[in-house]
Amino acid sequence: MDDLPHYAALESLRDGRALEIRALRPDDRDGLLAVVDHASEESLYRRFFGARHRFTDAEIRFFLNVDFSTHVALVAVAEEGGERGIVGGGRYVLTRPGEAELAFFVVDALQGQGIGAVLMRHLIAIARDSGLKALTAEVLPENTPMLKLFERCGLPQSRRREGSVVHVALRLPGGAPP
């Protein structure tokens, strides 16, 4: 796990295009901001619980400055519109010992191509190898694709609705019940 800042793997989209999953790098700033700039209001609302096209400098630093210990972030890179670039990302951030909160984002044009599932599979493997016992997420109830992604990930899970959010807890192999 010492080499996580250099993590990279090749996968395929459902349509057969090549997909690279790799560690987020500090020089990915422009690519990440471009993804947000071109995202629909609905996608931004589902990910950030509000339509945001701009982030503060502190928020940008948080998204980019990962230590691959308490904060792990991967990006998905593929060709879209004739150019190769970031088309999605996933991350987890430790919230307490043995547990981390998980989040994903995929560009609108490539939603439904399996990017979220691939990112989830890689993040689960990293979390498991790092000794984590559980991954959690807060999901809007109307974000059916994300809730289905959690259902299909193959891990034992629990869910509870609290106000306008569904709390999902996934138990990693060898972990205590969520």
Protein backbone atom coordinates (compact mmCIF):
# COMPACT_ATOMS: atom_id res chain seq x y z
CA MET A 1 0.00 0.00 0.00
CA ASP A 2 3.06 2.26 0.10
CA ASP A 3 2.77 2.83 -3.64
CA LEU A 4 -0.82 4.17 -3.66
CA PRO A 5 0.22 7.59 -5.02
CA HIS A 6 1.28 5.70 -8.18
CA TYR A 7 -1.76 3.40 -8.32
CA ALA A 8 -2.91 2.65 -11.88
CA ALA A 9 -4.99 -0.02 -13.58
CA LEU A 10 -6.55 -0.48 -17.00
CA GLU A 11 -10.23 -1.35 -17.37
CA SER A 12 -12.87 -1.11 -20.09
CA LEU A 13 -16.07 0.85 -20.35
CA ARG A 14 -19.24 -1.05 -21.22
CA ASP A 15 -18.93 0.29 -24.77
CA GLY A 16 -15.42 -1.20 -25.05
CA ARG A 17 -13.39 2.02 -24.71
CA ALA A 18 -10.26 1.90 -22.57
CA LEU A 19 -10.56 3.28 -19.04
CA GLU A 20 -7.60 4.07 -16.85
CA ILE A 21 -8.12 4.12 -13.09
CA ARG A 22 -5.28 5.92 -11.37
CA ALA A 23 -4.36 7.85 -8.27
CA LEU A 24 -5.35 11.50 -8.22
CA ARG A 25 -2.32 13.74 -8.72
CA PRO A 26 -1.81 17.38 -7.70
CA ASP A 27 -1.58 18.35 -11.38
CA ASP A 28 -5.15 17.06 -11.95
CA ARG A 29 -6.59 20.38 -10.75
CA ASP A 30 -7.65 21.65 -14.18
CA GLY A 31 -9.09 18.28 -15.17
CA LEU A 32 -11.20 18.04 -12.02
CA LEU A 33 -12.47 21.59 -12.35
CA ALA A 34 -13.34 20.97 -16.02
CA VAL A 35 -15.45 17.96 -15.02
CA VAL A 36 -17.39 20.10 -12.56
CA ASP A 37 -17.75 22.96 -15.08
CA HIS A 38 -19.39 20.62 -17.60
CA ALA A 39 -21.61 18.74 -15.16
CA SER A 40 -25.36 19.07 -15.14
CA GLU A 41 -27.18 20.70 -12.25
CA GLU A 42 -28.70 17.30 -11.41
CA SER A 43 -25.33 15.53 -11.26
CA LEU A 44 -23.85 18.25 -9.06
CA TYR A 45 -26.88 18.16 -6.79
CA ARG A 46 -26.64 14.37 -6.41
CA ARG A 47 -22.93 14.51 -5.54
CA PHE A 48 -22.70 17.70 -3.49
CA PHE A 49 -26.34 17.99 -2.30
CA GLY A 50 -26.51 21.32 -4.08
CA ALA A 51 -25.78 22.63 -7.57
CA ARG A 52 -22.28 24.08 -7.34
CA HIS A 53 -20.11 25.10 -10.24
CA ARG A 54 -17.51 26.89 -8.15
CA PHE A 55 -15.51 25.82 -5.13
CA THR A 56 -13.48 27.84 -2.66
CA ASP A 57 -9.69 27.59 -2.72
CA ALA A 58 -9.87 25.61 0.54
CA GLU A 59 -12.32 23.12 -0.99
CA ILE A 60 -10.12 22.69 -4.06
CA ARG A 61 -7.10 22.08 -1.83
CA PHE A 62 -9.08 19.47 0.10
CA PHE A 63 -10.07 17.65 -3.11
CA LEU A 64 -6.50 17.68 -4.49
CA ASN A 65 -4.34 17.17 -1.41
CA VAL A 66 -4.77 13.51 -0.62
CA ASP A 67 -2.34 11.58 1.56
CA PHE A 68 -3.38 8.06 0.42
CA SER A 69 -3.66 7.06 4.05
CA THR A 70 -6.59 8.94 5.57
CA HIS A 71 -7.77 10.35 2.24
CA VAL A 72 -7.60 8.20 -0.90
CA ALA A 73 -8.73 9.50 -4.30
CA LEU A 74 -8.80 7.83 -7.71
CA VAL A 75 -9.73 9.26 -11.08
CA ALA A 76 -11.10 7.56 -14.17
CA VAL A 77 -9.48 8.69 -17.42
CA ALA A 78 -10.95 7.94 -20.85
CA GLU A 79 -11.39 9.43 -24.28
CA GLU A 80 -14.52 11.51 -24.63
CA GLY A 81 -15.29 13.87 -27.47
CA GLY A 82 -11.99 13.08 -29.14
CA GLU A 83 -9.90 14.05 -26.10
CA ARG A 84 -8.48 12.03 -23.25
CA GLY A 85 -9.30 13.37 -19.82
CA ILE A 86 -10.79 12.79 -16.41
CA VAL A 87 -14.33 11.44 -16.71
CA GLY A 88 -14.97 10.51 -13.08
CA GLY A 89 -13.52 10.03 -9.68
CA GLY A 90 -14.02 8.34 -6.37
CA ARG A 91 -12.57 8.83 -2.94
CA TYR A 92 -12.80 7.85 0.64
CA VAL A 93 -11.91 9.85 3.72
CA LEU A 94 -11.40 8.30 7.14
CA THR A 95 -14.11 9.40 9.54
CA ARG A 96 -12.93 7.30 12.48
CA PRO A 97 -10.54 4.38 12.97
CA GLY A 98 -11.45 1.55 10.59
CA GLU A 99 -14.19 3.50 8.80
CA ALA A 100 -14.24 5.90 5.86
CA GLU A 101 -16.84 7.86 3.92
CA LEU A 102 -17.04 7.08 0.22
CA ALA A 103 -18.07 9.39 -2.66
CA PHE A 104 -18.13 9.22 -6.48
CA PHE A 105 -18.68 11.47 -9.47
CA VAL A 106 -19.00 10.56 -13.15
CA VAL A 107 -19.46 12.94 -16.08
CA ASP A 108 -23.00 12.99 -17.43
CA ALA A 109 -22.11 11.70 -20.90
CA LEU A 110 -20.57 8.51 -19.50
CA GLN A 111 -22.99 7.70 -16.70
CA GLY A 112 -24.26 4.14 -17.13
CA GLN A 113 -20.96 2.91 -18.61
CA GLY A 114 -19.82 1.19 -15.40
CA ILE A 115 -17.32 3.83 -14.25
CA GLY A 116 -18.82 4.08 -10.76
CA ALA A 117 -18.72 0.29 -10.34
CA VAL A 118 -15.09 0.12 -11.45
CA LEU A 119 -14.08 2.96 -9.12
CA MET A 120 -15.97 1.32 -6.27
CA ARG A 121 -14.26 -2.03 -6.87
CA HIS A 122 -10.81 -0.41 -6.76
CA LEU A 123 -11.60 1.70 -3.68
CA ILE A 124 -13.01 -1.33 -1.84
CA ALA A 125 -9.83 -3.29 -2.59
CA ILE A 126 -7.63 -0.43 -1.37
CA ALA A 127 -9.76 0.05 1.76
CA ARG A 128 -9.69 -3.68 2.54
CA ASP A 129 -5.91 -3.87 2.01
CA SER A 130 -5.51 -0.82 4.26
CA GLY A 131 -7.34 -2.58 7.08
CA LEU A 132 -10.60 -0.67 6.97
CA LYS A 133 -13.69 -2.44 8.30
CA ALA A 134 -16.48 -0.31 6.82
CA LEU A 135 -17.24 2.26 4.13
CA THR A 136 -20.15 4.64 4.51
CA ALA A 137 -21.93 7.06 2.21
CA GLU A 138 -24.71 9.61 2.35
CA VAL A 139 -26.95 9.38 -0.69
CA LEU A 140 -30.03 11.32 -1.70
CA PRO A 141 -33.04 8.96 -1.85
CA GLU A 142 -33.74 9.95 -5.47
CA ASN A 143 -30.19 9.00 -6.50
CA THR A 144 -31.34 5.55 -7.59
CA PRO A 145 -28.25 4.76 -9.70
CA MET A 146 -25.95 5.24 -6.70
CA LEU A 147 -28.18 3.22 -4.39
CA LYS A 148 -28.25 0.41 -6.97
CA LEU A 149 -24.45 0.59 -7.27
CA PHE A 150 -24.18 -0.04 -3.54
CA GLU A 151 -26.67 -2.92 -3.78
CA ARG A 152 -24.63 -4.60 -6.53
CA CYS A 153 -21.19 -4.17 -4.92
CA GLY A 154 -21.47 -7.54 -3.20
CA LEU A 155 -20.75 -6.36 0.34
CA PRO A 156 -23.07 -6.75 3.34
CA GLN A 157 -24.75 -3.43 3.94
CA SER A 158 -27.17 -1.57 6.11
CA ARG A 159 -29.25 1.48 5.24
CA ARG A 160 -31.19 3.98 7.22
CA ARG A 161 -33.01 7.07 6.14
CA GLU A 162 -32.49 10.19 8.15
CA GLY A 163 -34.37 13.22 6.89
CA SER A 164 -33.51 13.78 3.24
CA VAL A 165 -30.50 11.42 3.22
CA VAL A 166 -30.00 7.66 3.06
CA HIS A 167 -27.02 6.51 5.13
CA VAL A 168 -25.39 3.45 3.57
CA ALA A 169 -22.81 1.38 5.46
CA LEU A 170 -20.85 -1.37 3.71
CA ARG A 171 -19.01 -3.99 5.75
CA LEU A 172 -15.66 -5.01 4.30
CA PRO A 173 -14.54 -8.65 4.59
CA GLY A 174 -13.44 -9.28 8.15
CA GLY A 175 -15.11 -6.10 9.35
CA ALA A 176 -17.61 -5.68 12.14
CA PRO A 177 -21.30 -5.21 11.23
CA PRO A 178 -21.94 -1.67 9.97
